[in-house]
Amino acid sequence: MGYINDENPTAFTYGSAAFNARIIVTKGMYSFVTKEELDAVVAHELGHIIHNDFIIMSMASTLLQILYDVYVIGVESSKNKSSSDGKKGNPLVIVGLVSIIFYWIGMYLVLFLVGHVSIMLINILPRRQEKEAYFLQLF
C-alpha cells in the first residue's frame, strides 16, 4: 500500500499486473472516513486487483501519455525549425495537433465516461468484477 500526503480523500489502484499492483490512499482517507469505511474502500480496491481491472486503466493512461508526448514532439519540432530553410509546413505539427485532439477526447472518455458508465453498468448489467469488488468491501 502507498500513501499520499494530500487532504483529498482518495484511493486508487495502479500497476501493470497483479504481482506489482499497488493500492494508494491519501491522508484525507484517514482524516475524513471512519476505520470501517477505510477498510471497505481498501477491500473494494483489492477486488479490482483480484480481477485485474486496474490494468485496463493503466493501458488507457499509457495510450493517453503517448498521444500527449507526440503532441509535445510536434510542437517542439515547430519551434526548432529555422525560418531560413524555406520549407513550408511541418508534418509533425499536424500530427501533434491531431494527437492533442485525440488526447483530450481520450481524457474525456477515461475520466468522465468511465466513471459514469461504470455506475450505470453496475445498476443495469451484471458486471461480475465490479459487483464482486463491492461484495469484498462488505466483509
C-alpha atoms as a PDB file:
ATOM      1  CA  MET A   1       0.000   0.000   0.000  1.00  0.00           C
ATOM      2  CA  GLY A   2       1.083   3.519  -0.699  1.00  0.00           C
ATOM      3  CA  TYR A   3       0.316   6.836   0.955  1.00  0.00           C
ATOM      4  CA  ILE A   4      -0.022  10.345  -0.483  1.00  0.00           C
ATOM      5  CA  ASN A   5       0.109  13.310   1.868  1.00  0.00           C
ATOM      6  CA  ASP A   6      -2.977  15.069   0.490  1.00  0.00           C
ATOM      7  CA  GLU A   7      -6.187  16.044   2.296  1.00  0.00           C
ATOM      8  CA  ASN A   8      -8.395  14.977  -0.624  1.00  0.00           C
ATOM      9  CA  PRO A   9      -9.971  11.634   0.409  1.00  0.00           C
ATOM     10  CA  THR A  10      -8.963   9.381  -2.469  1.00  0.00           C
ATOM     11  CA  ALA A  11      -7.980   5.766  -3.002  1.00  0.00           C
ATOM     12  CA  PHE A  12      -6.931   4.062  -6.214  1.00  0.00           C
ATOM     13  CA  THR A  13      -5.130   1.046  -7.600  1.00  0.00           C
ATOM     14  CA  TYR A  14      -2.417   1.001 -10.239  1.00  0.00           C
ATOM     15  CA  GLY A  15       0.154  -1.334 -11.712  1.00  0.00           C
ATOM     16  CA  SER A  16       0.898  -3.359 -14.824  1.00  0.00           C
ATOM     17  CA  ALA A  17      -0.002  -6.781 -13.384  1.00  0.00           C
ATOM     18  CA  ALA A  18      -1.338  -8.290 -10.169  1.00  0.00           C
ATOM     19  CA  PHE A  19       2.179  -9.036  -8.858  1.00  0.00           C
ATOM     20  CA  ASN A  20       3.123  -5.340  -8.793  1.00  0.00           C
ATOM     21  CA  ALA A  21      -0.277  -3.742  -8.167  1.00  0.00           C
ATOM     22  CA  ARG A  22      -0.452  -1.038  -5.526  1.00  0.00           C
ATOM     23  CA  ILE A  23      -3.323   0.405  -3.538  1.00  0.00           C
ATOM     24  CA  ILE A  24      -2.788   4.086  -2.781  1.00  0.00           C
ATOM     25  CA  VAL A  25      -4.687   6.039  -0.138  1.00  0.00           C
ATOM     26  CA  THR A  26      -4.399   9.703   0.721  1.00  0.00           C
ATOM     27  CA  LYS A  27      -4.129  11.402   4.086  1.00  0.00           C
ATOM     28  CA  GLY A  28      -7.701  12.573   3.560  1.00  0.00           C
ATOM     29  CA  MET A  29      -8.923   8.984   3.770  1.00  0.00           C
ATOM     30  CA  TYR A  30      -7.530   8.794   7.296  1.00  0.00           C
ATOM     31  CA  SER A  31      -8.924  12.239   8.170  1.00  0.00           C
ATOM     32  CA  PHE A  32     -12.461  12.109   6.795  1.00  0.00           C
ATOM     33  CA  VAL A  33     -13.651   8.492   6.907  1.00  0.00           C
ATOM     34  CA  THR A  34     -14.089   6.011   9.712  1.00  0.00           C
ATOM     35  CA  LYS A  35     -11.895   2.940  10.051  1.00  0.00           C
ATOM     36  CA  GLU A  36     -14.760   0.749   8.826  1.00  0.00           C
ATOM     37  CA  GLU A  37     -15.225   2.941   5.734  1.00  0.00           C
ATOM     38  CA  LEU A  38     -11.494   2.872   5.049  1.00  0.00           C
ATOM     39  CA  ASP A  39     -11.487  -0.920   5.364  1.00  0.00           C
ATOM     40  CA  ALA A  40     -14.377  -1.080   2.888  1.00  0.00           C
ATOM     41  CA  VAL A  41     -12.570   1.176   0.402  1.00  0.00           C
ATOM     42  CA  VAL A  42      -9.356  -0.869   0.629  1.00  0.00           C
ATOM     43  CA  ALA A  43     -11.331  -4.100   0.197  1.00  0.00           C
ATOM     44  CA  HIS A  44     -13.006  -2.593  -2.864  1.00  0.00           C
ATOM     45  CA  GLU A  45      -9.636  -1.656  -4.367  1.00  0.00           C
ATOM     46  CA  LEU A  46      -8.349  -5.147  -3.561  1.00  0.00           C
ATOM     47  CA  GLY A  47     -11.279  -6.512  -5.560  1.00  0.00           C
ATOM     48  CA  HIS A  48     -10.052  -4.506  -8.543  1.00  0.00           C
ATOM     49  CA  ILE A  49      -6.610  -6.096  -8.140  1.00  0.00           C
ATOM     50  CA  ILE A  50      -8.088  -9.599  -7.933  1.00  0.00           C
ATOM     51  CA  HIS A  51      -9.960  -9.037 -11.219  1.00  0.00           C
ATOM     52  CA  ASN A  52      -7.158  -7.064 -12.945  1.00  0.00           C
ATOM     53  CA  ASP A  53      -9.471  -4.087 -13.587  1.00  0.00           C
ATOM     54  CA  PHE A  54      -6.631  -1.628 -12.983  1.00  0.00           C
ATOM     55  CA  ILE A  55      -4.652  -2.969 -15.960  1.00  0.00           C
ATOM     56  CA  ILE A  56      -7.182  -1.547 -18.440  1.00  0.00           C
ATOM     57  CA  MET A  57      -6.954   1.891 -16.837  1.00  0.00           C
ATOM     58  CA  SER A  58      -3.153   1.686 -16.834  1.00  0.00           C
ATOM     59  CA  MET A  59      -3.171   0.856 -20.555  1.00  0.00           C
ATOM     60  CA  ALA A  60      -5.587   3.716 -21.271  1.00  0.00           C
ATOM     61  CA  SER A  61      -3.405   6.130 -19.299  1.00  0.00           C
ATOM     62  CA  THR A  62      -0.302   4.953 -21.165  1.00  0.00           C
ATOM     63  CA  LEU A  63      -2.005   5.490 -24.523  1.00  0.00           C
ATOM     64  CA  LEU A  64      -3.037   8.991 -23.461  1.00  0.00           C
ATOM     65  CA  GLN A  65       0.517   9.755 -22.341  1.00  0.00           C
ATOM     66  CA  ILE A  66       1.868   8.626 -25.728  1.00  0.00           C
ATOM     67  CA  LEU A  67      -0.615  10.907 -27.522  1.00  0.00           C
ATOM     68  CA  TYR A  68       0.448  13.826 -25.355  1.00  0.00           C
ATOM     69  CA  ASP A  69       4.138  13.095 -25.948  1.00  0.00           C
ATOM     70  CA  VAL A  70       3.559  13.053 -29.721  1.00  0.00           C
ATOM     71  CA  TYR A  71       1.883  16.453 -29.381  1.00  0.00           C
ATOM     72  CA  VAL A  72       4.862  17.841 -27.428  1.00  0.00           C
ATOM     73  CA  ILE A  73       7.302  16.479 -30.034  1.00  0.00           C
ATOM     74  CA  GLY A  74       5.260  18.122 -32.793  1.00  0.00           C
ATOM     75  CA  VAL A  75       5.191  21.483 -31.022  1.00  0.00           C
ATOM     76  CA  GLU A  76       8.908  21.338 -30.190  1.00  0.00           C
ATOM     77  CA  SER A  77       9.767  20.452 -33.783  1.00  0.00           C
ATOM     78  CA  SER A  78       7.930  23.550 -34.994  1.00  0.00           C
ATOM     79  CA  LYS A  79       9.871  25.720 -32.519  1.00  0.00           C
ATOM     80  CA  ASN A  80      13.223  24.255 -33.551  1.00  0.00           C
ATOM     81  CA  LYS A  81      12.591  24.664 -37.276  1.00  0.00           C
ATOM     82  CA  SER A  82      14.541  27.592 -38.599  1.00  0.00           C
ATOM     83  CA  SER A  83      12.644  30.060 -40.748  1.00  0.00           C
ATOM     84  CA  SER A  84      15.583  30.356 -43.141  1.00  0.00           C
ATOM     85  CA  ASP A  85      15.290  26.866 -44.646  1.00  0.00           C
ATOM     86  CA  GLY A  86      12.468  27.989 -46.919  1.00  0.00           C
ATOM     87  CA  LYS A  87      10.230  24.945 -46.348  1.00  0.00           C
ATOM     88  CA  LYS A  88       6.558  25.484 -45.765  1.00  0.00           C
ATOM     89  CA  GLY A  89       4.643  23.403 -43.246  1.00  0.00           C
ATOM     90  CA  ASN A  90       5.849  20.742 -40.912  1.00  0.00           C
ATOM     91  CA  PRO A  91       4.006  17.409 -40.882  1.00  0.00           C
ATOM     92  CA  LEU A  92       4.984  16.811 -37.249  1.00  0.00           C
ATOM     93  CA  VAL A  93       2.975  19.859 -36.221  1.00  0.00           C
ATOM     94  CA  ILE A  94      -0.137  18.420 -37.872  1.00  0.00           C
ATOM     95  CA  VAL A  95       0.497  15.023 -36.276  1.00  0.00           C
ATOM     96  CA  GLY A  96       0.950  16.800 -32.943  1.00  0.00           C
ATOM     97  CA  LEU A  97      -2.313  18.702 -33.304  1.00  0.00           C
ATOM     98  CA  VAL A  98      -4.212  15.539 -34.217  1.00  0.00           C
ATOM     99  CA  SER A  99      -2.607  13.809 -31.230  1.00  0.00           C
ATOM    100  CA  ILE A 100      -3.688  16.514 -28.797  1.00  0.00           C
ATOM    101  CA  ILE A 101      -7.242  16.315 -30.135  1.00  0.00           C
ATOM    102  CA  PHE A 102      -7.297  12.553 -29.541  1.00  0.00           C
ATOM    103  CA  TYR A 103      -5.637  13.115 -26.164  1.00  0.00           C
ATOM    104  CA  TRP A 104      -8.458  15.398 -24.995  1.00  0.00           C
ATOM    105  CA  ILE A 105     -11.111  13.058 -26.380  1.00  0.00           C
ATOM    106  CA  GLY A 106      -9.409  10.167 -24.603  1.00  0.00           C
ATOM    107  CA  MET A 107      -9.162  12.106 -21.338  1.00  0.00           C
ATOM    108  CA  TYR A 108     -12.873  12.830 -21.550  1.00  0.00           C
ATOM    109  CA  LEU A 109     -13.653   9.185 -22.180  1.00  0.00           C
ATOM    110  CA  VAL A 110     -11.371   7.853 -19.450  1.00  0.00           C
ATOM    111  CA  LEU A 111     -12.105  10.368 -16.713  1.00  0.00           C
ATOM    112  CA  PHE A 112     -15.737  11.238 -17.292  1.00  0.00           C
ATOM    113  CA  LEU A 113     -17.465   8.488 -19.174  1.00  0.00           C
ATOM    114  CA  VAL A 114     -15.749   5.546 -17.463  1.00  0.00           C
ATOM    115  CA  GLY A 115     -16.875   6.774 -14.066  1.00  0.00           C
ATOM    116  CA  HIS A 116     -20.449   7.478 -15.106  1.00  0.00           C
ATOM    117  CA  VAL A 117     -20.848   4.476 -17.364  1.00  0.00           C
ATOM    118  CA  SER A 118     -19.473   2.071 -14.751  1.00  0.00           C
ATOM    119  CA  ILE A 119     -22.067   3.291 -12.265  1.00  0.00           C
ATOM    120  CA  MET A 120     -24.809   2.731 -14.850  1.00  0.00           C
ATOM    121  CA  LEU A 121     -23.430  -0.706 -15.726  1.00  0.00           C
ATOM    122  CA  ILE A 122     -23.403  -1.759 -12.088  1.00  0.00           C
ATOM    123  CA  ASN A 123     -27.093  -0.937 -11.911  1.00  0.00           C
ATOM    124  CA  ILE A 124     -28.096  -2.248 -15.350  1.00  0.00           C
ATOM    125  CA  LEU A 125     -25.767  -5.040 -16.441  1.00  0.00           C
ATOM    126  CA  PRO A 126     -24.381  -7.958 -14.461  1.00  0.00           C
ATOM    127  CA  ARG A 127     -20.749  -6.810 -14.312  1.00  0.00           C
ATOM    128  CA  ARG A 128     -19.238  -9.555 -12.206  1.00  0.00           C
ATOM    129  CA  GLN A 129     -15.943  -7.858 -11.328  1.00  0.00           C
ATOM    130  CA  GLU A 130     -17.451  -4.600 -10.093  1.00  0.00           C
ATOM    131  CA  LYS A 131     -20.126  -6.387  -8.129  1.00  0.00           C
ATOM    132  CA  GLU A 132     -17.551  -8.698  -6.547  1.00  0.00           C
ATOM    133  CA  ALA A 133     -15.351  -5.699  -5.710  1.00  0.00           C
ATOM    134  CA  TYR A 134     -18.303  -4.171  -3.904  1.00  0.00           C
ATOM    135  CA  PHE A 135     -19.060  -7.543  -2.311  1.00  0.00           C
ATOM    136  CA  LEU A 136     -15.493  -7.807  -0.973  1.00  0.00           C
ATOM    137  CA  GLN A 137     -15.824  -4.454   0.743  1.00  0.00           C
ATOM    138  CA  LEU A 138     -18.734  -5.809   2.780  1.00  0.00           C
ATOM    139  CA  PHE A 139     -16.571  -8.368   4.555  1.00  0.00           C
END
